[in-house]
Structures are given as C-alpha cells and as structure tokens.
C-alpha cells in the first residue's frame, strides 16, 4: 500500500478528494493530469486513478506507460476483477468509471469523419475511450481544445469530440475562419 498514491479527477466529490488527500495523493484536471502523474512517479509511487478510466489510461499512454502496466479496477468485481499478478505488474490502476458525454464517441464515428471529410482534423477530450483517442489527430482538455482551434489555419475543418455547447460556441466564434463540426 505504501507504494501507491491516489489521484482523483477534479470532477469528483469533496469526500473522495478528502480521502485522496489523507493518503498523500492529489487532485488533477484534464489539463494537468500528466504533471500530477509525473509528480507521483518521481516519488517512486504507483497510481490509483479515479474515477475516470479513460482519462487515467490516456494520460498513462501519453507518458509512455505500456498498456500491460495499466490495469482497470472494476468496483463491481471481487478485488476489482484483477489478479495479484495484474496488480503487481501495474504502474497505474484506473477505476472503471467514465464521463457519459465523452464515452459516447466511437471508433466508427472517427472512421466516418475520415471517409466523409478526409482533410479534417479531429480532436477529442482525453476522457474519450483510448481506441477513439488513438485514431484522432489530437486530444486535450477543454482549454487545450480551445487553443487547438485558436491556432488552426484559416479554412481548416476541425471535428471536435467533447461537450456540444463548447463545440457550438467555438463554431460561432470562428465562423468564416475555421469550419468547426461536432463528432457524432
């Protein structure tokens, strides 16, 4: 237990954040998750990341952690559905939780965009499933998505997989400069 640190996503309850803090862990946003992971690794710790499986797994991947060193803890299964060997091999254990908005994005949707709009750039939030993230041109937090659009060349087509109100707001702000579409 001493070699583990809990890391909790900011969109969690105060009670979960308090438990995390009592155990020496940290809270993170999607913008700084990689920095928090690096902080934990610099202490020689392994990470229990909750509650979003996808943000945790995608952050680990971004940092070069191989898939076999990331385990998914299913709270509905005894011992999270993990063997002692899987836990021992894990550098990161992610809680099997998700954001309903971002989990809705699929590989099929990305493939359809690639077929219909071959020149489009696709960016999704890192709470999207890893299979989706790996097919896109970029992924990032809300702030990083906004920066990506702001930096886009005039006339570029960008398809965004995140909360629809943000996509609509960006489309309005960049109307006539960048063609913004929602991943659906």
N, C-alpha and C. Protein backbone atom coordinates (compact mmCIF):
# COMPACT_ATOMS: atom_id res chain seq x y z
N UNK A 1 0.83 -1.20 0.00
CA UNK A 1 0.00 0.00 0.00
C UNK A 1 0.87 1.26 0.00
N UNK A 2 2.05 1.19 0.59
CA UNK A 2 2.91 2.37 0.69
C UNK A 2 3.46 2.85 -0.65
N UNK A 3 3.43 1.99 -1.66
CA UNK A 3 3.98 2.42 -2.95
C UNK A 3 2.90 2.97 -3.88
N UNK A 4 1.69 3.18 -3.37
CA UNK A 4 0.58 3.69 -4.19
C UNK A 4 0.20 5.09 -3.74
N UNK A 5 -0.16 5.94 -4.71
CA UNK A 5 -0.74 7.24 -4.42
C UNK A 5 -2.07 7.35 -5.16
N UNK A 6 -3.11 7.80 -4.47
CA UNK A 6 -4.36 8.05 -5.19
C UNK A 6 -4.32 9.40 -5.89
N UNK A 7 -4.85 9.41 -7.11
CA UNK A 7 -5.00 10.66 -7.87
C UNK A 7 -6.46 10.70 -8.30
N UNK A 8 -7.11 11.80 -7.97
CA UNK A 8 -8.54 11.93 -8.25
C UNK A 8 -8.79 13.10 -9.20
N UNK A 9 -9.66 12.86 -10.15
CA UNK A 9 -10.04 13.89 -11.11
C UNK A 9 -10.88 14.95 -10.40
N UNK A 10 -10.69 16.19 -10.75
CA UNK A 10 -11.32 17.32 -10.08
C UNK A 10 -12.85 17.24 -10.09
N UNK A 11 -13.43 16.59 -11.08
CA UNK A 11 -14.90 16.48 -11.15
C UNK A 11 -15.42 15.39 -10.23
N UNK A 12 -14.80 15.21 -9.10
CA UNK A 12 -15.20 14.21 -8.11
C UNK A 12 -15.74 14.90 -6.87
N UNK A 13 -16.34 14.13 -6.01
CA UNK A 13 -16.92 14.70 -4.79
C UNK A 13 -15.83 15.17 -3.82
N UNK A 14 -16.20 16.08 -2.96
CA UNK A 14 -15.28 16.57 -1.93
C UNK A 14 -14.85 15.44 -1.01
N UNK A 15 -15.73 14.49 -0.76
CA UNK A 15 -15.39 13.36 0.12
C UNK A 15 -14.28 12.51 -0.49
N UNK A 16 -14.36 12.24 -1.78
CA UNK A 16 -13.32 11.45 -2.45
C UNK A 16 -12.01 12.23 -2.47
N UNK A 17 -12.08 13.52 -2.73
CA UNK A 17 -10.87 14.34 -2.72
C UNK A 17 -10.23 14.33 -1.33
N UNK A 18 -11.05 14.37 -0.29
CA UNK A 18 -10.52 14.37 1.08
C UNK A 18 -9.82 13.04 1.39
N UNK A 19 -10.40 11.93 0.99
CA UNK A 19 -9.77 10.62 1.19
C UNK A 19 -8.43 10.58 0.46
N UNK A 20 -8.43 11.07 -0.75
CA UNK A 20 -7.22 11.11 -1.56
C UNK A 20 -6.13 11.92 -0.85
N UNK A 21 -6.49 13.09 -0.37
CA UNK A 21 -5.54 13.93 0.35
C UNK A 21 -5.02 13.30 1.62
N UNK A 22 -5.89 12.63 2.38
CA UNK A 22 -5.46 11.96 3.61
C UNK A 22 -4.44 10.85 3.33
N UNK A 23 -4.42 10.35 2.13
CA UNK A 23 -3.49 9.27 1.78
C UNK A 23 -2.31 9.78 0.95
N UNK A 24 -2.09 11.11 0.98
CA UNK A 24 -0.92 11.70 0.34
C UNK A 24 -1.06 11.91 -1.15
N UNK A 25 -2.26 11.70 -1.68
CA UNK A 25 -2.48 11.82 -3.11
C UNK A 25 -2.74 13.23 -3.56
N UNK A 26 -3.30 13.33 -4.74
CA UNK A 26 -3.52 14.65 -5.33
C UNK A 26 -4.79 14.65 -6.16
N UNK A 27 -5.26 15.83 -6.44
CA UNK A 27 -6.38 16.07 -7.34
C UNK A 27 -5.80 16.63 -8.63
N UNK A 28 -6.42 16.31 -9.76
CA UNK A 28 -5.92 16.83 -11.03
C UNK A 28 -7.07 17.25 -11.93
N UNK A 29 -6.73 18.01 -12.95
CA UNK A 29 -7.66 18.35 -14.02
C UNK A 29 -7.20 17.58 -15.26
N UNK A 30 -7.96 17.64 -16.33
CA UNK A 30 -7.50 17.01 -17.56
C UNK A 30 -6.31 17.77 -18.14
N UNK A 31 -6.16 19.04 -17.80
CA UNK A 31 -5.02 19.83 -18.28
C UNK A 31 -3.72 19.47 -17.59
N UNK A 32 -3.79 19.12 -16.31
CA UNK A 32 -2.53 18.87 -15.59
C UNK A 32 -2.37 17.42 -15.14
N UNK A 33 -3.18 16.50 -15.63
CA UNK A 33 -3.09 15.10 -15.21
C UNK A 33 -1.69 14.54 -15.44
N UNK A 34 -1.09 14.83 -16.58
CA UNK A 34 0.25 14.30 -16.86
C UNK A 34 1.27 14.81 -15.84
N UNK A 35 1.18 16.07 -15.47
CA UNK A 35 2.11 16.63 -14.47
C UNK A 35 1.92 15.95 -13.11
N UNK A 36 0.68 15.67 -12.75
CA UNK A 36 0.41 15.01 -11.48
C UNK A 36 0.92 13.57 -11.51
N UNK A 37 0.73 12.89 -12.64
CA UNK A 37 1.28 11.53 -12.77
C UNK A 37 2.80 11.57 -12.62
N UNK A 38 3.46 12.51 -13.30
CA UNK A 38 4.91 12.62 -13.21
C UNK A 38 5.36 12.90 -11.78
N UNK A 39 4.60 13.72 -11.06
CA UNK A 39 4.88 14.01 -9.64
C UNK A 39 4.85 12.72 -8.83
N UNK A 40 3.84 11.89 -9.04
CA UNK A 40 3.73 10.63 -8.31
C UNK A 40 4.87 9.68 -8.69
N UNK A 41 5.14 9.57 -9.98
CA UNK A 41 6.22 8.68 -10.43
C UNK A 41 7.58 9.13 -9.90
N UNK A 42 7.79 10.45 -9.79
CA UNK A 42 9.06 10.98 -9.28
C UNK A 42 9.29 10.58 -7.83
N UNK A 43 8.22 10.25 -7.12
CA UNK A 43 8.32 9.78 -5.74
C UNK A 43 8.47 8.27 -5.66
N UNK A 44 8.55 7.63 -6.83
CA UNK A 44 8.66 6.17 -6.86
C UNK A 44 7.34 5.48 -6.57
N UNK A 45 6.25 6.18 -6.78
CA UNK A 45 4.92 5.64 -6.46
C UNK A 45 4.22 5.11 -7.70
N UNK A 46 3.26 4.24 -7.46
CA UNK A 46 2.31 3.80 -8.48
C UNK A 46 1.03 4.58 -8.22
N UNK A 47 0.14 4.60 -9.22
CA UNK A 47 -1.03 5.48 -9.14
C UNK A 47 -2.32 4.68 -9.17
N UNK A 48 -3.22 5.01 -8.25
CA UNK A 48 -4.62 4.60 -8.32
C UNK A 48 -5.37 5.83 -8.79
N UNK A 49 -5.89 5.77 -10.02
CA UNK A 49 -6.55 6.94 -10.61
C UNK A 49 -8.05 6.72 -10.62
N UNK A 50 -8.78 7.70 -10.13
CA UNK A 50 -10.23 7.61 -10.13
C UNK A 50 -10.85 8.98 -10.36
N UNK A 51 -12.04 9.04 -10.85
CA UNK A 51 -12.95 7.96 -11.20
C UNK A 51 -13.01 7.66 -12.69
N UNK A 52 -12.19 8.30 -13.54
CA UNK A 52 -12.36 8.17 -14.98
C UNK A 52 -11.29 7.27 -15.61
N UNK A 53 -11.71 6.07 -15.97
CA UNK A 53 -10.82 5.08 -16.60
C UNK A 53 -10.10 5.66 -17.81
N UNK A 54 -10.83 6.36 -18.65
CA UNK A 54 -10.27 6.81 -19.93
C UNK A 54 -9.23 7.91 -19.74
N UNK A 55 -9.50 8.90 -18.90
CA UNK A 55 -8.52 9.95 -18.65
C UNK A 55 -7.26 9.33 -18.04
N UNK A 56 -7.42 8.42 -17.11
CA UNK A 56 -6.25 7.77 -16.50
C UNK A 56 -5.45 6.95 -17.49
N UNK A 57 -6.12 6.13 -18.29
CA UNK A 57 -5.42 5.28 -19.26
C UNK A 57 -4.77 6.12 -20.36
N UNK A 58 -5.46 7.16 -20.83
CA UNK A 58 -4.89 8.02 -21.88
C UNK A 58 -3.70 8.82 -21.36
N UNK A 59 -3.76 9.27 -20.12
CA UNK A 59 -2.64 10.00 -19.54
C UNK A 59 -1.44 9.08 -19.41
N UNK A 60 -1.67 7.87 -18.92
CA UNK A 60 -0.57 6.90 -18.80
C UNK A 60 0.06 6.63 -20.18
N UNK A 61 -0.78 6.44 -21.19
CA UNK A 61 -0.28 6.20 -22.55
C UNK A 61 0.55 7.38 -23.04
N UNK A 62 0.07 8.60 -22.81
CA UNK A 62 0.80 9.80 -23.23
C UNK A 62 2.18 9.87 -22.60
N UNK A 63 2.31 9.29 -21.41
CA UNK A 63 3.59 9.31 -20.70
C UNK A 63 4.44 8.08 -21.03
N UNK A 64 3.99 7.27 -21.98
CA UNK A 64 4.78 6.11 -22.40
C UNK A 64 4.62 4.88 -21.55
N UNK A 65 3.62 4.85 -20.69
CA UNK A 65 3.36 3.66 -19.87
C UNK A 65 2.70 2.61 -20.77
N UNK A 66 3.28 1.43 -20.91
CA UNK A 66 2.68 0.41 -21.79
C UNK A 66 1.33 -0.07 -21.25
N UNK A 67 0.48 -0.47 -22.17
CA UNK A 67 -0.87 -0.91 -21.81
C UNK A 67 -0.89 -2.01 -20.76
N UNK A 68 0.08 -2.91 -20.80
CA UNK A 68 0.10 -4.01 -19.82
C UNK A 68 0.45 -3.54 -18.40
N UNK A 69 0.90 -2.29 -18.27
CA UNK A 69 1.20 -1.72 -16.95
C UNK A 69 0.06 -0.84 -16.44
N UNK A 70 -1.07 -0.85 -17.17
CA UNK A 70 -2.26 -0.11 -16.76
C UNK A 70 -3.39 -1.12 -16.57
N UNK A 71 -3.89 -1.20 -15.36
CA UNK A 71 -4.96 -2.15 -15.05
C UNK A 71 -6.25 -1.40 -14.77
N UNK A 72 -7.37 -2.01 -15.14
CA UNK A 72 -8.69 -1.41 -14.91
C UNK A 72 -9.33 -2.10 -13.71
N UNK A 73 -9.63 -1.31 -12.69
CA UNK A 73 -10.26 -1.81 -11.48
C UNK A 73 -11.77 -1.67 -11.61
N UNK A 74 -12.46 -2.79 -11.62
CA UNK A 74 -13.92 -2.81 -11.72
C UNK A 74 -14.50 -2.96 -10.32
N UNK A 75 -15.10 -1.91 -9.75
CA UNK A 75 -15.58 -1.97 -8.37
C UNK A 75 -16.71 -2.99 -8.16
N UNK A 76 -17.29 -3.50 -9.25
CA UNK A 76 -18.36 -4.48 -9.13
C UNK A 76 -17.84 -5.92 -9.07
N UNK A 77 -16.53 -6.08 -9.18
CA UNK A 77 -15.91 -7.42 -9.16
C UNK A 77 -15.08 -7.60 -7.90
N UNK A 78 -15.00 -8.83 -7.39
CA UNK A 78 -14.09 -9.08 -6.26
C UNK A 78 -12.67 -8.68 -6.66
N UNK A 79 -11.98 -7.99 -5.76
CA UNK A 79 -10.62 -7.49 -5.98
C UNK A 79 -10.52 -6.68 -7.27
N UNK A 80 -11.65 -6.06 -7.66
CA UNK A 80 -11.66 -5.24 -8.85
C UNK A 80 -11.54 -6.01 -10.15
N UNK A 81 -11.66 -7.34 -10.07
CA UNK A 81 -11.50 -8.17 -11.25
C UNK A 81 -10.04 -8.38 -11.63
N UNK A 82 -9.14 -8.01 -10.74
CA UNK A 82 -7.71 -8.10 -11.03
C UNK A 82 -7.05 -9.21 -10.21
N UNK A 83 -6.14 -9.90 -10.85
CA UNK A 83 -5.36 -10.91 -10.14
C UNK A 83 -4.23 -10.22 -9.38
N UNK A 84 -3.64 -10.94 -8.44
CA UNK A 84 -2.50 -10.39 -7.71
C UNK A 84 -1.36 -10.04 -8.68
N UNK A 85 -1.18 -10.86 -9.70
CA UNK A 85 -0.12 -10.62 -10.69
C UNK A 85 -0.40 -9.35 -11.50
N UNK A 86 -1.66 -9.11 -11.86
CA UNK A 86 -2.00 -7.90 -12.61
C UNK A 86 -1.76 -6.65 -11.76
N UNK A 87 -2.11 -6.73 -10.50
CA UNK A 87 -1.88 -5.59 -9.60
C UNK A 87 -0.38 -5.36 -9.43
N UNK A 88 0.37 -6.43 -9.26
CA UNK A 88 1.83 -6.31 -9.09
C UNK A 88 2.49 -5.72 -10.32
N UNK A 89 1.98 -6.01 -11.50
CA UNK A 89 2.57 -5.52 -12.75
C UNK A 89 2.15 -4.10 -13.10
N UNK A 90 1.13 -3.59 -12.44
CA UNK A 90 0.57 -2.28 -12.80
C UNK A 90 1.38 -1.13 -12.22
N UNK A 91 1.62 -0.13 -13.06
CA UNK A 91 2.15 1.15 -12.58
C UNK A 91 1.00 2.10 -12.31
N UNK A 92 -0.13 1.86 -13.04
CA UNK A 92 -1.32 2.68 -12.88
C UNK A 92 -2.52 1.74 -12.85
N UNK A 93 -3.38 1.94 -11.86
CA UNK A 93 -4.66 1.25 -11.81
C UNK A 93 -5.73 2.34 -11.97
N UNK A 94 -6.59 2.15 -12.96
CA UNK A 94 -7.64 3.13 -13.22
C UNK A 94 -8.99 2.55 -12.81
N UNK A 95 -9.77 3.35 -12.15
CA UNK A 95 -11.11 2.97 -11.72
C UNK A 95 -12.01 2.90 -12.95
N UNK A 96 -12.83 1.89 -13.05
CA UNK A 96 -13.72 1.70 -14.19
C UNK A 96 -14.92 2.65 -14.06
N UNK A 97 -14.66 3.92 -14.33
CA UNK A 97 -15.68 4.95 -14.35
C UNK A 97 -15.52 5.74 -15.63
N UNK A 98 -16.49 6.57 -15.94
CA UNK A 98 -16.43 7.29 -17.21
C UNK A 98 -17.31 8.52 -17.18
N UNK A 99 -17.04 9.39 -18.14
CA UNK A 99 -17.88 10.56 -18.40
C UNK A 99 -18.85 10.15 -19.50
N UNK A 100 -20.12 10.28 -19.24
CA UNK A 100 -21.14 9.84 -20.20
C UNK A 100 -21.04 10.59 -21.53
N UNK A 101 -20.64 11.86 -21.50
CA UNK A 101 -20.51 12.65 -22.72
C UNK A 101 -19.38 12.10 -23.59
N UNK A 102 -18.22 11.88 -23.00
CA UNK A 102 -17.04 11.50 -23.77
C UNK A 102 -17.00 10.02 -24.12
N UNK A 103 -17.63 9.19 -23.32
CA UNK A 103 -17.67 7.76 -23.64
C UNK A 103 -18.55 7.49 -24.87
N UNK A 104 -19.38 8.45 -25.23
CA UNK A 104 -20.29 8.27 -26.37
C UNK A 104 -19.56 8.30 -27.72
N UNK A 105 -18.33 8.79 -27.75
CA UNK A 105 -17.59 8.86 -29.02
C UNK A 105 -17.03 7.49 -29.37
N UNK A 106 -17.14 7.13 -30.66
CA UNK A 106 -16.77 5.78 -31.09
C UNK A 106 -15.76 5.79 -32.23
N UNK A 107 -15.11 4.66 -32.38
CA UNK A 107 -14.20 4.43 -33.50
C UNK A 107 -14.94 4.62 -34.82
N UNK A 108 -16.15 4.12 -34.89
CA UNK A 108 -16.95 4.23 -36.12
C UNK A 108 -17.19 5.68 -36.49
N UNK A 109 -17.45 6.54 -35.52
CA UNK A 109 -17.65 7.96 -35.81
C UNK A 109 -16.39 8.58 -36.40
N UNK A 110 -15.24 8.26 -35.83
CA UNK A 110 -13.98 8.79 -36.34
C UNK A 110 -13.73 8.29 -37.76
N UNK A 111 -13.97 7.01 -37.98
CA UNK A 111 -13.78 6.45 -39.32
C UNK A 111 -14.72 7.10 -40.34
N UNK A 112 -15.95 7.39 -39.95
CA UNK A 112 -16.90 8.06 -40.85
C UNK A 112 -16.42 9.47 -41.20
N UNK A 113 -15.88 10.19 -40.22
CA UNK A 113 -15.36 11.53 -40.50
C UNK A 113 -14.19 11.43 -41.46
N UNK A 114 -13.31 10.48 -41.24
CA UNK A 114 -12.14 10.32 -42.13
C UNK A 114 -12.59 10.04 -43.57
N UNK A 115 -13.68 9.28 -43.71
CA UNK A 115 -14.19 8.96 -45.04
C UNK A 115 -14.87 10.17 -45.69
N UNK A 116 -15.72 10.86 -44.92
CA UNK A 116 -16.50 11.97 -45.48
C UNK A 116 -15.72 13.28 -45.58
N UNK A 117 -14.79 13.49 -44.67
CA UNK A 117 -14.01 14.74 -44.62
C UNK A 117 -12.52 14.39 -44.49
N UNK A 118 -11.91 13.84 -45.52
CA UNK A 118 -10.54 13.33 -45.39
C UNK A 118 -9.50 14.36 -44.96
N UNK A 119 -9.73 15.63 -45.20
CA UNK A 119 -8.77 16.65 -44.79
C UNK A 119 -9.00 17.22 -43.40
N UNK A 120 -10.09 16.80 -42.77
CA UNK A 120 -10.43 17.35 -41.45
C UNK A 120 -9.46 16.89 -40.38
N UNK A 121 -9.26 17.75 -39.40
CA UNK A 121 -8.51 17.39 -38.19
C UNK A 121 -9.54 17.02 -37.14
N UNK A 122 -9.24 15.99 -36.37
CA UNK A 122 -10.17 15.53 -35.33
C UNK A 122 -9.45 15.63 -33.98
N UNK A 123 -10.10 16.30 -33.03
CA UNK A 123 -9.58 16.41 -31.67
C UNK A 123 -10.68 16.01 -30.71
N UNK A 124 -10.32 15.24 -29.69
CA UNK A 124 -11.27 14.79 -28.68
C UNK A 124 -10.71 15.07 -27.29
N UNK A 125 -11.60 15.05 -26.33
CA UNK A 125 -11.22 15.19 -24.93
C UNK A 125 -10.60 13.87 -24.47
N UNK A 126 -9.61 13.90 -23.56
CA UNK A 126 -8.96 12.66 -23.12
C UNK A 126 -9.82 11.75 -22.24
N UNK A 127 -11.05 12.16 -21.94
CA UNK A 127 -11.97 11.25 -21.27
C UNK A 127 -12.66 10.33 -22.27
N UNK A 128 -12.33 10.46 -23.54
CA UNK A 128 -12.87 9.58 -24.58
C UNK A 128 -12.13 8.24 -24.51
N UNK A 129 -12.77 7.16 -24.96
CA UNK A 129 -12.10 5.85 -24.94
C UNK A 129 -10.78 5.87 -25.71
N UNK A 130 -9.82 5.10 -25.21
CA UNK A 130 -8.48 5.11 -25.80
C UNK A 130 -8.48 4.73 -27.27
N UNK A 131 -9.36 3.84 -27.68
CA UNK A 131 -9.43 3.44 -29.08
C UNK A 131 -9.80 4.63 -29.98
N UNK A 132 -10.61 5.53 -29.46
CA UNK A 132 -11.00 6.74 -30.18
C UNK A 132 -9.85 7.73 -30.19
N UNK A 133 -9.26 7.95 -29.03
CA UNK A 133 -8.17 8.92 -28.91
C UNK A 133 -7.03 8.58 -29.86
N UNK A 134 -6.68 7.29 -29.97
CA UNK A 134 -5.55 6.87 -30.80
C UNK A 134 -5.78 7.13 -32.29
N UNK A 135 -7.04 7.23 -32.72
CA UNK A 135 -7.35 7.47 -34.13
C UNK A 135 -7.41 8.95 -34.49
N UNK A 136 -7.43 9.81 -33.50
CA UNK A 136 -7.61 11.24 -33.76
C UNK A 136 -6.27 11.94 -33.97
N UNK A 137 -6.34 13.14 -34.50
CA UNK A 137 -5.14 13.94 -34.72
C UNK A 137 -4.59 14.52 -33.43
N UNK A 138 -5.48 14.75 -32.47
CA UNK A 138 -5.07 15.35 -31.21
C UNK A 138 -6.12 15.04 -30.14
N UNK A 139 -5.71 15.20 -28.90
CA UNK A 139 -6.65 15.13 -27.78
C UNK A 139 -6.17 16.11 -26.72
N UNK A 140 -7.13 16.64 -25.98
CA UNK A 140 -6.75 17.59 -24.97
C UNK A 140 -7.92 18.05 -24.13
N UNK A 141 -7.58 18.70 -23.04
CA UNK A 141 -8.57 19.26 -22.13
C UNK A 141 -9.39 20.33 -22.86
N UNK A 142 -10.39 20.83 -22.18
CA UNK A 142 -11.20 21.90 -22.76
C UNK A 142 -10.31 23.07 -23.18
N UNK A 143 -9.43 23.50 -22.31
CA UNK A 143 -8.52 24.62 -22.64
C UNK A 143 -7.63 24.26 -23.82
N UNK A 144 -7.16 23.03 -23.88
CA UNK A 144 -6.29 22.62 -24.98
C UNK A 144 -7.07 22.54 -26.30
N UNK A 145 -8.32 22.13 -26.24
CA UNK A 145 -9.17 22.12 -27.44
C UNK A 145 -9.36 23.55 -27.95
N UNK A 146 -9.63 24.47 -27.04
CA UNK A 146 -9.80 25.88 -27.42
C UNK A 146 -8.52 26.40 -28.06
N UNK A 147 -7.37 26.11 -27.45
CA UNK A 147 -6.09 26.55 -28.01
C UNK A 147 -5.85 25.94 -29.39
N UNK A 148 -6.22 24.68 -29.57
CA UNK A 148 -6.05 23.99 -30.85
C UNK A 148 -6.84 24.71 -31.94
N UNK A 149 -8.08 25.05 -31.62
CA UNK A 149 -8.92 25.76 -32.59
C UNK A 149 -8.38 27.16 -32.85
N UNK A 150 -7.96 27.85 -31.81
CA UNK A 150 -7.43 29.21 -31.99
C UNK A 150 -6.18 29.21 -32.87
N UNK A 151 -5.40 28.14 -32.83
CA UNK A 151 -4.16 28.05 -33.61
C UNK A 151 -4.38 27.50 -35.02
N UNK A 152 -5.59 27.08 -35.32
CA UNK A 152 -5.87 26.48 -36.63
C UNK A 152 -5.69 27.48 -37.76
N UNK A 153 -5.27 26.96 -38.90
CA UNK A 153 -5.12 27.79 -40.09
C UNK A 153 -6.49 28.18 -40.63
N UNK A 154 -6.57 29.32 -41.24
CA UNK A 154 -7.82 29.75 -41.89
C UNK A 154 -8.26 28.69 -42.89
N UNK A 155 -9.55 28.40 -42.90
CA UNK A 155 -10.11 27.44 -43.83
C UNK A 155 -10.04 25.99 -43.38
N UNK A 156 -9.38 25.74 -42.27
CA UNK A 156 -9.25 24.37 -41.79
C UNK A 156 -10.61 23.84 -41.31
N UNK A 157 -10.82 22.54 -41.45
CA UNK A 157 -12.01 21.86 -40.93
C UNK A 157 -11.58 21.08 -39.69
N UNK A 158 -12.24 21.34 -38.57
CA UNK A 158 -11.91 20.67 -37.31
C UNK A 158 -13.18 20.03 -36.77
N UNK A 159 -13.08 18.74 -36.47
CA UNK A 159 -14.18 17.99 -35.87
C UNK A 159 -13.78 17.75 -34.42
N UNK A 160 -14.68 18.13 -33.51
CA UNK A 160 -14.37 18.11 -32.08
C UNK A 160 -15.28 17.13 -31.36
N UNK A 161 -14.66 16.27 -30.55
CA UNK A 161 -15.40 15.34 -29.71
C UNK A 161 -15.33 15.76 -28.26
N UNK A 162 -16.29 16.57 -27.86
CA UNK A 162 -16.43 16.98 -26.46
C UNK A 162 -17.84 17.51 -26.27
N UNK A 163 -18.07 18.15 -25.17
CA UNK A 163 -19.39 18.66 -24.81
C UNK A 163 -19.90 19.60 -25.90
N UNK A 164 -21.13 19.37 -26.36
CA UNK A 164 -21.68 20.05 -27.53
C UNK A 164 -21.75 21.57 -27.39
N UNK A 165 -22.03 22.09 -26.21
CA UNK A 165 -22.11 23.54 -26.05
C UNK A 165 -20.77 24.21 -26.35
N UNK A 166 -19.66 23.56 -25.97
CA UNK A 166 -18.35 24.11 -26.29
C UNK A 166 -18.13 24.09 -27.80
N UNK A 167 -18.48 23.00 -28.44
CA UNK A 167 -18.30 22.89 -29.89
C UNK A 167 -19.10 24.00 -30.59
N UNK A 168 -20.34 24.19 -30.17
CA UNK A 168 -21.18 25.22 -30.78
C UNK A 168 -20.62 26.62 -30.54
N UNK A 169 -20.13 26.87 -29.34
CA UNK A 169 -19.55 28.18 -29.03
C UNK A 169 -18.31 28.44 -29.90
N UNK A 170 -17.45 27.42 -30.05
CA UNK A 170 -16.26 27.58 -30.87
C UNK A 170 -16.63 27.79 -32.34
N UNK A 171 -17.65 27.06 -32.81
CA UNK A 171 -18.10 27.22 -34.20
C UNK A 171 -18.57 28.65 -34.45
N UNK A 172 -19.29 29.20 -33.50
CA UNK A 172 -19.78 30.58 -33.64
C UNK A 172 -18.62 31.58 -33.60
N UNK A 173 -17.70 31.40 -32.68
CA UNK A 173 -16.57 32.31 -32.53
C UNK A 173 -15.66 32.32 -33.77
N UNK A 174 -15.57 31.19 -34.44
CA UNK A 174 -14.64 31.06 -35.56
C UNK A 174 -15.34 30.99 -36.91
N UNK A 175 -16.63 31.30 -36.93
CA UNK A 175 -17.41 31.27 -38.18
C UNK A 175 -16.71 32.11 -39.25
N UNK A 176 -16.57 31.52 -40.42
CA UNK A 176 -15.93 32.20 -41.53
C UNK A 176 -14.41 32.03 -41.56
N UNK A 177 -13.81 31.59 -40.48
CA UNK A 177 -12.36 31.38 -40.43
C UNK A 177 -12.01 29.90 -40.41
N UNK A 178 -12.67 29.15 -39.51
CA UNK A 178 -12.44 27.72 -39.36
C UNK A 178 -13.80 27.05 -39.35
N UNK A 179 -13.91 25.92 -40.03
CA UNK A 179 -15.18 25.16 -40.07
C UNK A 179 -15.15 24.14 -38.93
N UNK A 180 -15.94 24.39 -37.90
CA UNK A 180 -15.98 23.54 -36.71
C UNK A 180 -17.20 22.64 -36.79
N UNK A 181 -16.99 21.36 -36.56
CA UNK A 181 -18.09 20.39 -36.56
C UNK A 181 -17.98 19.53 -35.30
N UNK A 182 -19.13 19.01 -34.87
CA UNK A 182 -19.15 18.10 -33.72
C UNK A 182 -18.96 16.67 -34.19
N UNK A 183 -18.20 15.91 -33.45
CA UNK A 183 -18.07 14.48 -33.71
C UNK A 183 -19.38 13.83 -33.29
N UNK A 184 -20.03 13.17 -34.24
CA UNK A 184 -21.28 12.48 -33.91
C UNK A 184 -21.54 11.37 -34.89
